[in-house]
Amino acid sequence: MTKYIEGYDFMDLLKDKSLVPVTDLAEVKLADKVAAFMSRLTGKINRSVIVADYDFMDLLQEKGYVPVSEPANDNAPAVNIAS
C-alpha cells in the first residue's frame, strides 16, 4: 500500500516506525496554578499602569516658577566685563 502525503518530516517517520517517545505526565499542584495565575495578574497590572515622566522642572512649574527663555549653563566660562 502506498501512502501519498504532502508533507513528510522526521516526526512522521518516527510515528511510522513506532519510535515516538512517550510524553512525561507532570503533576500540577494547586500552589503552582495559583502562582501562575498571580504571575499573569501582576503582569497585566504592570502593563496597565502608565508611568509618567515627572521631573524637577515639572515640580517647579506646578509651584508657579516659570523657567527663563535661555537655560543657565554652569559650564560656560565666566567673563567679567570691566566698567
PDB file of N, CA and C in Angstrom:
ATOM      1  N   MET A   1       0.839  -1.173   0.000  1.00  0.00           N
ATOM      2  CA  MET A   1       0.000   0.000   0.000  1.00  0.00           C
ATOM      3  C   MET A   1       0.883   1.235   0.000  1.00  0.00           C
ATOM      4  N   THR A   2       0.581   2.187  -0.834  1.00  0.00           N
ATOM      5  CA  THR A   2       1.359   3.419  -0.958  1.00  0.00           C
ATOM      6  C   THR A   2       0.575   4.565  -0.347  1.00  0.00           C
ATOM      7  N   LYS A   3       1.254   5.318   0.524  1.00  0.00           N
ATOM      8  CA  LYS A   3       0.640   6.489   1.141  1.00  0.00           C
ATOM      9  C   LYS A   3       1.163   7.734   0.445  1.00  0.00           C
ATOM     10  N   TYR A   4       0.250   8.594   0.060  1.00  0.00           N
ATOM     11  CA  TYR A   4       0.628   9.872  -0.539  1.00  0.00           C
ATOM     12  C   TYR A   4       0.379  10.971   0.492  1.00  0.00           C
ATOM     13  N   ILE A   5       1.456  11.582   0.917  1.00  0.00           N
ATOM     14  CA  ILE A   5       1.381  12.629   1.937  1.00  0.00           C
ATOM     15  C   ILE A   5       2.082  13.863   1.388  1.00  0.00           C
ATOM     16  N   GLU A   6       1.449  15.008   1.546  1.00  0.00           N
ATOM     17  CA  GLU A   6       2.047  16.249   1.032  1.00  0.00           C
ATOM     18  C   GLU A   6       3.295  16.633   1.810  1.00  0.00           C
ATOM     19  N   GLY A   7       3.236  16.610   3.126  1.00  0.00           N
ATOM     20  CA  GLY A   7       4.387  16.968   3.942  1.00  0.00           C
ATOM     21  C   GLY A   7       4.797  15.783   4.784  1.00  0.00           C
ATOM     22  N   TYR A   8       6.028  15.366   4.668  1.00  0.00           N
ATOM     23  CA  TYR A   8       6.513  14.218   5.428  1.00  0.00           C
ATOM     24  C   TYR A   8       7.822  14.631   6.076  1.00  0.00           C
ATOM     25  N   ASP A   9       7.844  14.637   7.393  1.00  0.00           N
ATOM     26  CA  ASP A   9       9.051  15.060   8.081  1.00  0.00           C
ATOM     27  C   ASP A   9       9.564  13.959   8.999  1.00  0.00           C
ATOM     28  N   PHE A  10      10.561  14.288   9.779  1.00  0.00           N
ATOM     29  CA  PHE A  10      11.212  13.320  10.648  1.00  0.00           C
ATOM     30  C   PHE A  10      10.249  12.755  11.692  1.00  0.00           C
ATOM     31  N   MET A  11       9.359  13.583  12.196  1.00  0.00           N
ATOM     32  CA  MET A  11       8.407  13.116  13.204  1.00  0.00           C
ATOM     33  C   MET A  11       7.439  12.091  12.600  1.00  0.00           C
ATOM     34  N   ASP A  12       7.044  12.299  11.346  1.00  0.00           N
ATOM     35  CA  ASP A  12       6.187  11.318  10.683  1.00  0.00           C
ATOM     36  C   ASP A  12       6.911   9.991  10.515  1.00  0.00           C
ATOM     37  N   LEU A  13       8.201  10.032  10.220  1.00  0.00           N
ATOM     38  CA  LEU A  13       8.990   8.810  10.103  1.00  0.00           C
ATOM     39  C   LEU A  13       9.043   8.068  11.425  1.00  0.00           C
ATOM     40  N   LEU A  14       9.231   8.817  12.523  1.00  0.00           N
ATOM     41  CA  LEU A  14       9.238   8.176  13.834  1.00  0.00           C
ATOM     42  C   LEU A  14       7.886   7.551  14.164  1.00  0.00           C
ATOM     43  N   LYS A  15       6.799   8.206  13.780  1.00  0.00           N
ATOM     44  CA  LYS A  15       5.466   7.644  14.033  1.00  0.00           C
ATOM     45  C   LYS A  15       5.246   6.371  13.228  1.00  0.00           C
ATOM     46  N   ASP A  16       5.732   6.356  11.986  1.00  0.00           N
ATOM     47  CA  ASP A  16       5.577   5.153  11.161  1.00  0.00           C
ATOM     48  C   ASP A  16       6.354   3.977  11.732  1.00  0.00           C
ATOM     49  N   LYS A  17       7.503   4.225  12.312  1.00  0.00           N
ATOM     50  CA  LYS A  17       8.336   3.163  12.879  1.00  0.00           C
ATOM     51  C   LYS A  17       8.005   2.878  14.341  1.00  0.00           C
ATOM     52  N   SER A  18       6.993   3.552  14.889  1.00  0.00           N
ATOM     53  CA  SER A  18       6.563   3.412  16.298  1.00  0.00           C
ATOM     54  C   SER A  18       7.702   3.729  17.263  1.00  0.00           C
ATOM     55  N   LEU A  19       8.439   4.755  16.974  1.00  0.00           N
ATOM     56  CA  LEU A  19       9.554   5.167  17.822  1.00  0.00           C
ATOM     57  C   LEU A  19       9.316   6.514  18.500  1.00  0.00           C
ATOM     58  N   VAL A  20       8.084   6.958  18.531  1.00  0.00           N
ATOM     59  CA  VAL A  20       7.771   8.239  19.159  1.00  0.00           C
ATOM     60  C   VAL A  20       7.856   8.073  20.675  1.00  0.00           C
ATOM     61  N   PRO A  21       8.634   8.917  21.334  1.00  0.00           N
ATOM     62  CA  PRO A  21       8.760   8.763  22.783  1.00  0.00           C
ATOM     63  C   PRO A  21       7.469   9.134  23.503  1.00  0.00           C
ATOM     64  N   VAL A  22       7.289   8.518  24.639  1.00  0.00           N
ATOM     65  CA  VAL A  22       6.105   8.785  25.466  1.00  0.00           C
ATOM     66  C   VAL A  22       6.324  10.104  26.195  1.00  0.00           C
ATOM     67  N   THR A  23       5.303  10.924  26.219  1.00  0.00           N
ATOM     68  CA  THR A  23       5.422  12.210  26.904  1.00  0.00           C
ATOM     69  C   THR A  23       5.374  12.016  28.410  1.00  0.00           C
ATOM     70  N   ASP A  24       6.084  12.881  29.093  1.00  0.00           N
ATOM     71  CA  ASP A  24       6.081  12.833  30.554  1.00  0.00           C
ATOM     72  C   ASP A  24       4.804  13.472  31.065  1.00  0.00           C
ATOM     73  N   LEU A  25       4.193  12.825  32.018  1.00  0.00           N
ATOM     74  CA  LEU A  25       2.993  13.374  32.644  1.00  0.00           C
ATOM     75  C   LEU A  25       3.419  14.063  33.930  1.00  0.00           C
ATOM     76  N   ALA A  26       3.286  15.362  33.944  1.00  0.00           N
ATOM     77  CA  ALA A  26       3.675  16.139  35.119  1.00  0.00           C
ATOM     78  C   ALA A  26       2.443  16.420  35.964  1.00  0.00           C
ATOM     79  N   GLU A  27       2.606  16.248  37.248  1.00  0.00           N
ATOM     80  CA  GLU A  27       1.508  16.505  38.171  1.00  0.00           C
ATOM     81  C   GLU A  27       1.524  17.986  38.536  1.00  0.00           C
ATOM     82  N   VAL A  28       0.436  18.677  38.238  1.00  0.00           N
ATOM     83  CA  VAL A  28       0.341  20.098  38.514  1.00  0.00           C
ATOM     84  C   VAL A  28      -0.335  20.278  39.865  1.00  0.00           C
ATOM     85  N   LYS A  29       0.365  20.991  40.750  1.00  0.00           N
ATOM     86  CA  LYS A  29      -0.152  21.206  42.099  1.00  0.00           C
ATOM     87  C   LYS A  29      -0.960  22.499  42.146  1.00  0.00           C
ATOM     88  N   LEU A  30      -1.813  22.608  43.128  1.00  0.00           N
ATOM     89  CA  LEU A  30      -2.651  23.781  43.296  1.00  0.00           C
ATOM     90  C   LEU A  30      -1.796  25.034  43.520  1.00  0.00           C
ATOM     91  N   ALA A  31      -0.717  24.890  44.268  1.00  0.00           N
ATOM     92  CA  ALA A  31       0.149  26.039  44.537  1.00  0.00           C
ATOM     93  C   ALA A  31       0.781  26.553  43.241  1.00  0.00           C
ATOM     94  N   ASP A  32       1.126  25.653  42.335  1.00  0.00           N
ATOM     95  CA  ASP A  32       1.692  26.069  41.047  1.00  0.00           C
ATOM     96  C   ASP A  32       0.654  26.810  40.207  1.00  0.00           C
ATOM     97  N   LYS A  33      -0.593  26.336  40.248  1.00  0.00           N
ATOM     98  CA  LYS A  33      -1.654  27.008  39.498  1.00  0.00           C
ATOM     99  C   LYS A  33      -1.908  28.413  40.039  1.00  0.00           C
ATOM    100  N   VAL A  34      -1.918  28.546  41.361  1.00  0.00           N
ATOM    101  CA  VAL A  34      -2.144  29.853  41.979  1.00  0.00           C
ATOM    102  C   VAL A  34      -0.982  30.791  41.657  1.00  0.00           C
ATOM    103  N   ALA A  35       0.249  30.274  41.705  1.00  0.00           N
ATOM    104  CA  ALA A  35       1.412  31.101  41.405  1.00  0.00           C
ATOM    105  C   ALA A  35       1.377  31.563  39.947  1.00  0.00           C
ATOM    106  N   ALA A  36       0.974  30.696  39.030  1.00  0.00           N
ATOM    107  CA  ALA A  36       0.891  31.076  37.618  1.00  0.00           C
ATOM    108  C   ALA A  36      -0.195  32.125  37.411  1.00  0.00           C
ATOM    109  N   PHE A  37      -1.327  31.967  38.094  1.00  0.00           N
ATOM    110  CA  PHE A  37      -2.412  32.949  37.982  1.00  0.00           C
ATOM    111  C   PHE A  37      -1.979  34.303  38.517  1.00  0.00           C
ATOM    112  N   MET A  38      -1.298  34.315  39.662  1.00  0.00           N
ATOM    113  CA  MET A  38      -0.852  35.581  40.245  1.00  0.00           C
ATOM    114  C   MET A  38       0.203  36.244  39.359  1.00  0.00           C
ATOM    115  N   SER A  39       1.044  35.456  38.729  1.00  0.00           N
ATOM    116  CA  SER A  39       2.052  35.999  37.826  1.00  0.00           C
ATOM    117  C   SER A  39       1.396  36.673  36.622  1.00  0.00           C
ATOM    118  N   ARG A  40       0.383  36.019  36.052  1.00  0.00           N
ATOM    119  CA  ARG A  40      -0.328  36.629  34.923  1.00  0.00           C
ATOM    120  C   ARG A  40      -1.060  37.885  35.363  1.00  0.00           C
ATOM    121  N   LEU A  41      -1.656  37.861  36.550  1.00  0.00           N
ATOM    122  CA  LEU A  41      -2.399  39.020  37.051  1.00  0.00           C
ATOM    123  C   LEU A  41      -1.478  40.203  37.296  1.00  0.00           C
ATOM    124  N   THR A  42      -0.339  39.982  37.935  1.00  0.00           N
ATOM    125  CA  THR A  42       0.581  41.092  38.179  1.00  0.00           C
ATOM    126  C   THR A  42       1.167  41.612  36.872  1.00  0.00           C
ATOM    127  N   GLY A  43       1.358  40.743  35.886  1.00  0.00           N
ATOM    128  CA  GLY A  43       1.840  41.198  34.585  1.00  0.00           C
ATOM    129  C   GLY A  43       0.843  42.119  33.916  1.00  0.00           C
ATOM    130  N   LYS A  44      -0.450  41.781  34.008  1.00  0.00           N
ATOM    131  CA  LYS A  44      -1.482  42.639  33.425  1.00  0.00           C
ATOM    132  C   LYS A  44      -1.570  43.971  34.160  1.00  0.00           C
ATOM    133  N   ILE A  45      -1.436  43.938  35.472  1.00  0.00           N
ATOM    134  CA  ILE A  45      -1.497  45.176  36.252  1.00  0.00           C
ATOM    135  C   ILE A  45      -0.313  46.068  35.910  1.00  0.00           C
ATOM    136  N   ASN A  46       0.869  45.489  35.802  1.00  0.00           N
ATOM    137  CA  ASN A  46       2.061  46.285  35.492  1.00  0.00           C
ATOM    138  C   ASN A  46       1.985  46.890  34.099  1.00  0.00           C
ATOM    139  N   ARG A  47       1.377  46.172  33.154  1.00  0.00           N
ATOM    140  CA  ARG A  47       1.254  46.719  31.804  1.00  0.00           C
ATOM    141  C   ARG A  47       0.215  47.825  31.739  1.00  0.00           C
ATOM    142  N   SER A  48      -0.794  47.798  32.625  1.00  0.00           N
ATOM    143  CA  SER A  48      -1.864  48.784  32.565  1.00  0.00           C
ATOM    144  C   SER A  48      -1.501  50.092  33.269  1.00  0.00           C
ATOM    145  N   VAL A  49      -0.505  50.063  34.140  1.00  0.00           N
ATOM    146  CA  VAL A  49      -0.107  51.264  34.867  1.00  0.00           C
ATOM    147  C   VAL A  49       0.745  52.124  33.947  1.00  0.00           C
ATOM    148  N   ILE A  50       0.357  53.391  33.816  1.00  0.00           N
ATOM    149  CA  ILE A  50       1.089  54.324  32.977  1.00  0.00           C
ATOM    150  C   ILE A  50       2.038  55.115  33.872  1.00  0.00           C
ATOM    151  N   VAL A  51       3.298  55.024  33.563  1.00  0.00           N
ATOM    152  CA  VAL A  51       4.300  55.744  34.338  1.00  0.00           C
ATOM    153  C   VAL A  51       4.615  57.037  33.597  1.00  0.00           C
ATOM    154  N   ALA A  52       4.308  58.152  34.237  1.00  0.00           N
ATOM    155  CA  ALA A  52       4.536  59.452  33.612  1.00  0.00           C
ATOM    156  C   ALA A  52       5.925  59.947  33.982  1.00  0.00           C
ATOM    157  N   ASP A  53       6.553  60.639  33.045  1.00  0.00           N
ATOM    158  CA  ASP A  53       7.829  61.275  33.322  1.00  0.00           C
ATOM    159  C   ASP A  53       7.553  62.521  34.148  1.00  0.00           C
ATOM    160  N   TYR A  54       8.049  62.558  35.343  1.00  0.00           N
ATOM    161  CA  TYR A  54       7.838  63.694  36.228  1.00  0.00           C
ATOM    162  C   TYR A  54       9.190  64.070  36.794  1.00  0.00           C
ATOM    163  N   ASP A  55       9.631  65.274  36.515  1.00  0.00           N
ATOM    164  CA  ASP A  55      10.953  65.665  36.974  1.00  0.00           C
ATOM    165  C   ASP A  55      10.874  66.963  37.776  1.00  0.00           C
ATOM    166  N   PHE A  56      12.045  67.485  38.100  1.00  0.00           N
ATOM    167  CA  PHE A  56      12.139  68.680  38.936  1.00  0.00           C
ATOM    168  C   PHE A  56      11.520  69.899  38.271  1.00  0.00           C
ATOM    169  N   MET A  57      11.675  70.014  36.956  1.00  0.00           N
ATOM    170  CA  MET A  57      11.107  71.166  36.248  1.00  0.00           C
ATOM    171  C   MET A  57       9.577  71.134  36.292  1.00  0.00           C
ATOM    172  N   ASP A  58       8.977  69.961  36.226  1.00  0.00           N
ATOM    173  CA  ASP A  58       7.522  69.857  36.352  1.00  0.00           C
ATOM    174  C   ASP A  58       7.065  70.319  37.735  1.00  0.00           C
ATOM    175  N   LEU A  59       7.834  69.957  38.760  1.00  0.00           N
ATOM    176  CA  LEU A  59       7.508  70.389  40.116  1.00  0.00           C
ATOM    177  C   LEU A  59       7.587  71.906  40.241  1.00  0.00           C
ATOM    178  N   LEU A  60       8.614  72.498  39.652  1.00  0.00           N
ATOM    179  CA  LEU A  60       8.738  73.962  39.700  1.00  0.00           C
ATOM    180  C   LEU A  60       7.577  74.640  38.989  1.00  0.00           C
ATOM    181  N   GLN A  61       7.163  74.118  37.849  1.00  0.00           N
ATOM    182  CA  GLN A  61       6.048  74.724  37.114  1.00  0.00           C
ATOM    183  C   GLN A  61       4.748  74.596  37.889  1.00  0.00           C
ATOM    184  N   GLU A  62       4.577  73.503  38.634  1.00  0.00           N
ATOM    185  CA  GLU A  62       3.380  73.370  39.472  1.00  0.00           C
ATOM    186  C   GLU A  62       3.366  74.411  40.583  1.00  0.00           C
ATOM    187  N   LYS A  63       4.547  74.773  41.102  1.00  0.00           N
ATOM    188  CA  LYS A  63       4.639  75.752  42.183  1.00  0.00           C
ATOM    189  C   LYS A  63       4.606  77.186  41.676  1.00  0.00           C
ATOM    190  N   GLY A  64       4.542  77.369  40.351  1.00  0.00           N
ATOM    191  CA  GLY A  64       4.418  78.711  39.811  1.00  0.00           C
ATOM    192  C   GLY A  64       5.697  79.302  39.260  1.00  0.00           C
ATOM    193  N   TYR A  65       6.788  78.580  39.338  1.00  0.00           N
ATOM    194  CA  TYR A  65       8.046  79.094  38.802  1.00  0.00           C
ATOM    195  C   TYR A  65       8.119  78.764  37.313  1.00  0.00           C
ATOM    196  N   VAL A  66       8.389  79.782  36.525  1.00  0.00           N
ATOM    197  CA  VAL A  66       8.478  79.602  35.078  1.00  0.00           C
ATOM    198  C   VAL A  66       9.941  79.779  34.687  1.00  0.00           C
ATOM    199  N   PRO A  67      10.510  78.830  33.947  1.00  0.00           N
ATOM    200  CA  PRO A  67      11.919  78.973  33.569  1.00  0.00           C
ATOM    201  C   PRO A  67      12.115  80.129  32.592  1.00  0.00           C
ATOM    202  N   VAL A  68      13.288  80.724  32.642  1.00  0.00           N
ATOM    203  CA  VAL A  68      13.609  81.816  31.722  1.00  0.00           C
ATOM    204  C   VAL A  68      13.766  81.255  30.323  1.00  0.00           C
ATOM    205  N   SER A  69      13.817  82.138  29.334  1.00  0.00           N
ATOM    206  CA  SER A  69      13.847  81.691  27.950  1.00  0.00           C
ATOM    207  C   SER A  69      15.124  80.934  27.620  1.00  0.00           C
ATOM    208  N   GLU A  70      16.255  81.321  28.232  1.00  0.00           N
ATOM    209  CA  GLU A  70      17.509  80.629  27.958  1.00  0.00           C
ATOM    210  C   GLU A  70      17.990  79.948  29.235  1.00  0.00           C
ATOM    211  N   PRO A  71      18.232  78.659  29.189  1.00  0.00           N
ATOM    212  CA  PRO A  71      18.649  77.969  30.410  1.00  0.00           C
ATOM    213  C   PRO A  71      20.063  78.368  30.811  1.00  0.00           C
ATOM    214  N   ALA A  72      20.327  78.297  32.100  1.00  0.00           N
ATOM    215  CA  ALA A  72      21.651  78.629  32.604  1.00  0.00           C
ATOM    216  C   ALA A  72      22.625  77.519  32.253  1.00  0.00           C
ATOM    217  N   ASN A  73      23.876  77.901  32.006  1.00  0.00           N
ATOM    218  CA  ASN A  73      24.905  76.937  31.671  1.00  0.00           C
ATOM    219  C   ASN A  73      26.046  77.112  32.657  1.00  0.00           C
ATOM    220  N   ASP A  74      26.196  76.168  33.570  1.00  0.00           N
ATOM    221  CA  ASP A  74      27.256  76.252  34.565  1.00  0.00           C
ATOM    222  C   ASP A  74      28.624  75.971  33.967  1.00  0.00           C
ATOM    223  N   ASN A  75      28.671  75.370  32.819  1.00  0.00           N
ATOM    224  CA  ASN A  75      29.941  75.008  32.205  1.00  0.00           C
ATOM    225  C   ASN A  75      30.517  76.125  31.335  1.00  0.00           C
ATOM    226  N   ALA A  76      29.764  77.184  31.132  1.00  0.00           N
ATOM    227  CA  ALA A  76      30.245  78.292  30.300  1.00  0.00           C
ATOM    228  C   ALA A  76      31.304  79.076  31.080  1.00  0.00           C
ATOM    229  N   PRO A  77      32.341  79.513  30.400  1.00  0.00           N
ATOM    230  CA  PRO A  77      33.382  80.289  31.116  1.00  0.00           C
ATOM    231  C   PRO A  77      32.820  81.633  31.587  1.00  0.00           C
ATOM    232  N   ALA A  78      33.200  82.005  32.783  1.00  0.00           N
ATOM    233  CA  ALA A  78      32.736  83.267  33.331  1.00  0.00           C
ATOM    234  C   ALA A  78      33.536  84.408  32.718  1.00  0.00           C
ATOM    235  N   VAL A  79      32.860  85.420  32.224  1.00  0.00           N
ATOM    236  CA  VAL A  79      33.519  86.559  31.606  1.00  0.00           C
ATOM    237  C   VAL A  79      33.133  87.800  32.407  1.00  0.00           C
ATOM    238  N   ASN A  80      34.125  88.456  32.950  1.00  0.00           N
ATOM    239  CA  ASN A  80      33.915  89.691  33.700  1.00  0.00           C
ATOM    240  C   ASN A  80      34.160  90.864  32.758  1.00  0.00           C
ATOM    241  N   ILE A  81      33.195  91.741  32.694  1.00  0.00           N
ATOM    242  CA  ILE A  81      33.335  92.920  31.833  1.00  0.00           C
ATOM    243  C   ILE A  81      33.777  94.073  32.695  1.00  0.00           C
ATOM    244  N   ALA A  82      34.865  94.697  32.280  1.00  0.00           N
ATOM    245  CA  ALA A  82      35.410  95.844  33.032  1.00  0.00           C
ATOM    246  C   ALA A  82      34.544  97.071  32.759  1.00  0.00           C
ATOM    247  N   SER A  83      34.253  97.814  33.791  1.00  0.00           N
ATOM    248  CA  SER A  83      33.447  99.019  33.593  1.00  0.00           C
ATOM    249  C   SER A  83      34.283 100.248  33.635  1.00  0.00           C
TER     250      SER A  83
END
